[in-house]
Amino acid sequence: MAPHMHVPSSRSTAGRLSTHTTTENTEKVLDVFTGSRDSDANVRVQSDIQIHPVDIACFVQVGFDEQVNSFATRSGFQPAIIQDIYKNVSSYKDTQKVVKAMHITAMESAKVEIQQLRSKMQEKTRENSDSDSDKDLYERPGKAKTEPKEEENE
């Protein structure tokens, strides 16, 4: 797995991001969490890399796409849906609010649909058991005898 930046939440203690300045060099160095519990497994990354202006749009798009794909995976909606919502609101935070509302509504709708399906299944089961008991009432024990018709020969 490639090393990646990890900024721990206030609840997480597994990954630590620390910044410090080396005495022999005045550039900042970041300890980047690599997923290993060993503190020696951290990778040192230069944080003062200057992104060329021609590359900014590409990096922004890659970061945006990653954010959308990650959010889509967590929310259960397709990335295209997330992007369409983003186009129609004023911020990513608003997109998150809309998608959360959609998720809640979808789950409530699913519960209603499931309840309706269960009711229909129970009703069919009742109808089938009722019709089976009705057949029992009208059937005579033993085989029904049919008498052959006599043909008149004249």
Protein backbone atom coordinates (compact mmCIF):
# COMPACT_ATOMS: atom_id res chain seq x y z
CA MET A 1 0.00 0.00 0.00
CA ALA A 2 1.38 3.39 -0.90
CA PRO A 3 1.93 5.82 1.97
CA HIS A 4 -0.75 8.45 2.30
CA MET A 5 -1.44 11.48 4.42
CA HIS A 6 -3.62 10.70 7.40
CA VAL A 7 -4.91 13.37 9.69
CA PRO A 8 -6.31 11.62 12.75
CA SER A 9 -9.67 12.56 14.14
CA SER A 10 -9.97 13.65 17.74
CA ARG A 11 -11.03 10.09 18.57
CA SER A 12 -8.22 8.32 16.71
CA THR A 13 -4.78 7.73 18.16
CA ALA A 14 -3.54 5.27 15.56
CA GLY A 15 -2.15 7.78 13.07
CA ARG A 16 -0.23 10.83 14.07
CA LEU A 17 0.68 13.72 11.82
CA SER A 18 3.41 15.85 13.22
CA THR A 19 5.27 18.79 11.81
CA HIS A 20 8.68 19.80 12.93
CA THR A 21 11.58 21.79 11.63
CA THR A 22 14.98 20.17 11.37
CA THR A 23 17.87 22.12 12.84
CA GLU A 24 20.24 21.59 9.92
CA ASN A 25 17.59 22.49 7.31
CA THR A 26 14.77 24.99 7.73
CA GLU A 27 12.22 23.15 5.59
CA LYS A 28 9.23 21.46 7.17
CA VAL A 29 9.05 17.67 7.29
CA LEU A 30 5.89 15.65 7.87
CA ASP A 31 5.70 12.23 9.47
CA VAL A 32 3.07 10.46 7.38
CA PHE A 33 1.04 7.56 8.75
CA THR A 34 1.54 4.44 6.62
CA GLY A 35 -0.91 2.08 8.29
CA SER A 36 1.73 0.33 10.38
CA ARG A 37 1.81 0.54 14.16
CA ASP A 38 5.59 0.92 14.12
CA SER A 39 6.72 4.50 14.50
CA ASP A 40 9.71 3.61 12.28
CA ALA A 41 7.29 2.82 9.43
CA ASN A 42 6.43 6.50 8.99
CA VAL A 43 7.69 8.17 5.84
CA ARG A 44 9.17 11.63 5.76
CA VAL A 45 7.66 13.88 3.09
CA GLN A 46 8.72 17.37 2.13
CA SER A 47 5.75 19.69 2.72
CA ASP A 48 7.04 22.73 0.89
CA ILE A 49 6.69 21.34 -2.63
CA GLN A 50 5.53 24.05 -4.98
CA ILE A 51 2.85 22.86 -7.40
CA HIS A 52 3.29 24.32 -10.86
CA PRO A 53 0.38 26.54 -11.84
CA VAL A 54 -0.34 24.45 -14.96
CA ASP A 55 -0.79 21.35 -12.75
CA ILE A 56 -3.13 22.86 -10.17
CA ALA A 57 -6.33 22.22 -12.16
CA CYS A 58 -5.37 18.56 -12.71
CA PHE A 59 -4.56 18.01 -9.01
CA VAL A 60 -7.74 19.75 -7.95
CA GLN A 61 -9.77 17.51 -10.28
CA VAL A 62 -8.02 14.36 -9.01
CA GLY A 63 -8.67 15.40 -5.41
CA PHE A 64 -12.28 16.27 -6.17
CA ASP A 65 -12.87 12.97 -7.98
CA GLU A 66 -11.36 11.05 -5.07
CA GLN A 67 -13.55 12.96 -2.61
CA VAL A 68 -16.69 12.30 -4.69
CA ASN A 69 -15.88 8.59 -5.13
CA SER A 70 -15.20 8.17 -1.43
CA PHE A 71 -18.41 9.98 -0.49
CA ALA A 72 -20.39 7.96 -3.04
CA THR A 73 -19.08 4.72 -1.56
CA ARG A 74 -19.97 5.79 1.97
CA SER A 75 -23.42 7.11 1.07
CA GLY A 76 -24.50 4.32 -1.29
CA PHE A 77 -25.16 6.63 -4.24
CA GLN A 78 -23.39 6.62 -7.59
CA PRO A 79 -20.60 9.22 -8.09
CA ALA A 80 -22.57 10.78 -10.97
CA ILE A 81 -25.45 11.49 -8.56
CA ILE A 82 -23.07 13.16 -6.10
CA GLN A 83 -21.60 15.27 -8.90
CA ASP A 84 -25.05 16.30 -10.17
CA ILE A 85 -26.04 17.42 -6.69
CA TYR A 86 -22.77 19.33 -6.29
CA LYS A 87 -23.46 21.19 -9.54
CA ASN A 88 -26.79 22.41 -8.15
CA VAL A 89 -25.69 23.59 -4.70
CA SER A 90 -23.22 26.20 -3.51
CA SER A 91 -20.73 24.04 -1.57
CA TYR A 92 -19.54 20.52 -0.84
CA LYS A 93 -21.01 20.84 2.64
CA ASP A 94 -24.44 21.52 1.07
CA THR A 95 -23.91 18.45 -1.13
CA GLN A 96 -23.32 16.37 1.99
CA LYS A 97 -26.52 17.72 3.58
CA VAL A 98 -28.60 16.93 0.48
CA VAL A 99 -27.16 13.42 0.14
CA LYS A 100 -27.75 12.75 3.84
CA ALA A 101 -31.39 13.83 3.43
CA MET A 102 -31.67 11.62 0.32
CA HIS A 103 -30.22 8.66 2.22
CA ILE A 104 -32.67 9.12 5.10
CA THR A 105 -35.60 9.46 2.69
CA ALA A 106 -34.48 6.41 0.70
CA MET A 107 -34.25 4.30 3.86
CA GLU A 108 -37.70 5.43 5.05
CA SER A 109 -39.15 4.67 1.63
CA ALA A 110 -37.49 1.25 1.63
CA LYS A 111 -39.01 0.46 5.03
CA VAL A 112 -42.50 1.38 3.76
CA GLU A 113 -42.05 -0.73 0.61
CA ILE A 114 -40.79 -3.70 2.62
CA GLN A 115 -43.78 -3.45 4.97
CA GLN A 116 -46.18 -3.32 2.02
CA LEU A 117 -44.53 -6.35 0.41
CA ARG A 118 -44.70 -8.30 3.67
CA SER A 119 -48.38 -7.40 4.05
CA LYS A 120 -49.11 -8.62 0.51
CA MET A 121 -47.21 -11.84 1.13
CA GLN A 122 -49.11 -12.46 4.37
CA GLU A 123 -52.40 -11.71 2.62
CA LYS A 124 -51.59 -14.18 -0.18
CA THR A 125 -50.59 -16.78 2.38
CA ARG A 126 -53.90 -16.27 4.19
CA GLU A 127 -55.86 -16.46 0.92
CA ASN A 128 -54.07 -19.67 -0.05
CA SER A 129 -54.74 -21.27 3.30
CA ASP A 130 -58.39 -20.11 3.18
CA SER A 131 -58.90 -21.51 -0.32
CA ASP A 132 -57.28 -24.80 0.73
CA SER A 133 -59.69 -25.09 3.67
CA ASP A 134 -62.64 -24.22 1.36
CA LYS A 135 -61.65 -27.07 -0.96
CA ASP A 136 -61.68 -29.43 1.99
CA LEU A 137 -65.25 -28.40 2.82
CA TYR A 138 -66.55 -29.14 -0.68
CA GLU A 139 -64.66 -32.34 -1.37
CA ARG A 140 -66.36 -35.61 -0.54
CA PRO A 141 -64.39 -38.36 1.01
CA GLY A 142 -63.52 -41.13 -1.42
CA LYS A 143 -63.55 -41.02 -5.20
CA ALA A 144 -66.43 -39.48 -7.06
CA LYS A 145 -68.33 -42.01 -9.09
CA THR A 146 -69.47 -41.13 -12.53
CA GLU A 147 -71.99 -43.24 -14.32
CA PRO A 148 -71.53 -43.75 -18.05
CA LYS A 149 -74.22 -42.30 -20.22
CA GLU A 150 -76.36 -44.75 -22.04
CA GLU A 151 -76.60 -44.18 -25.69
CA GLU A 152 -79.87 -44.72 -27.41
CA ASN A 153 -79.60 -46.79 -30.50
CA GLU A 154 -82.57 -46.53 -32.77
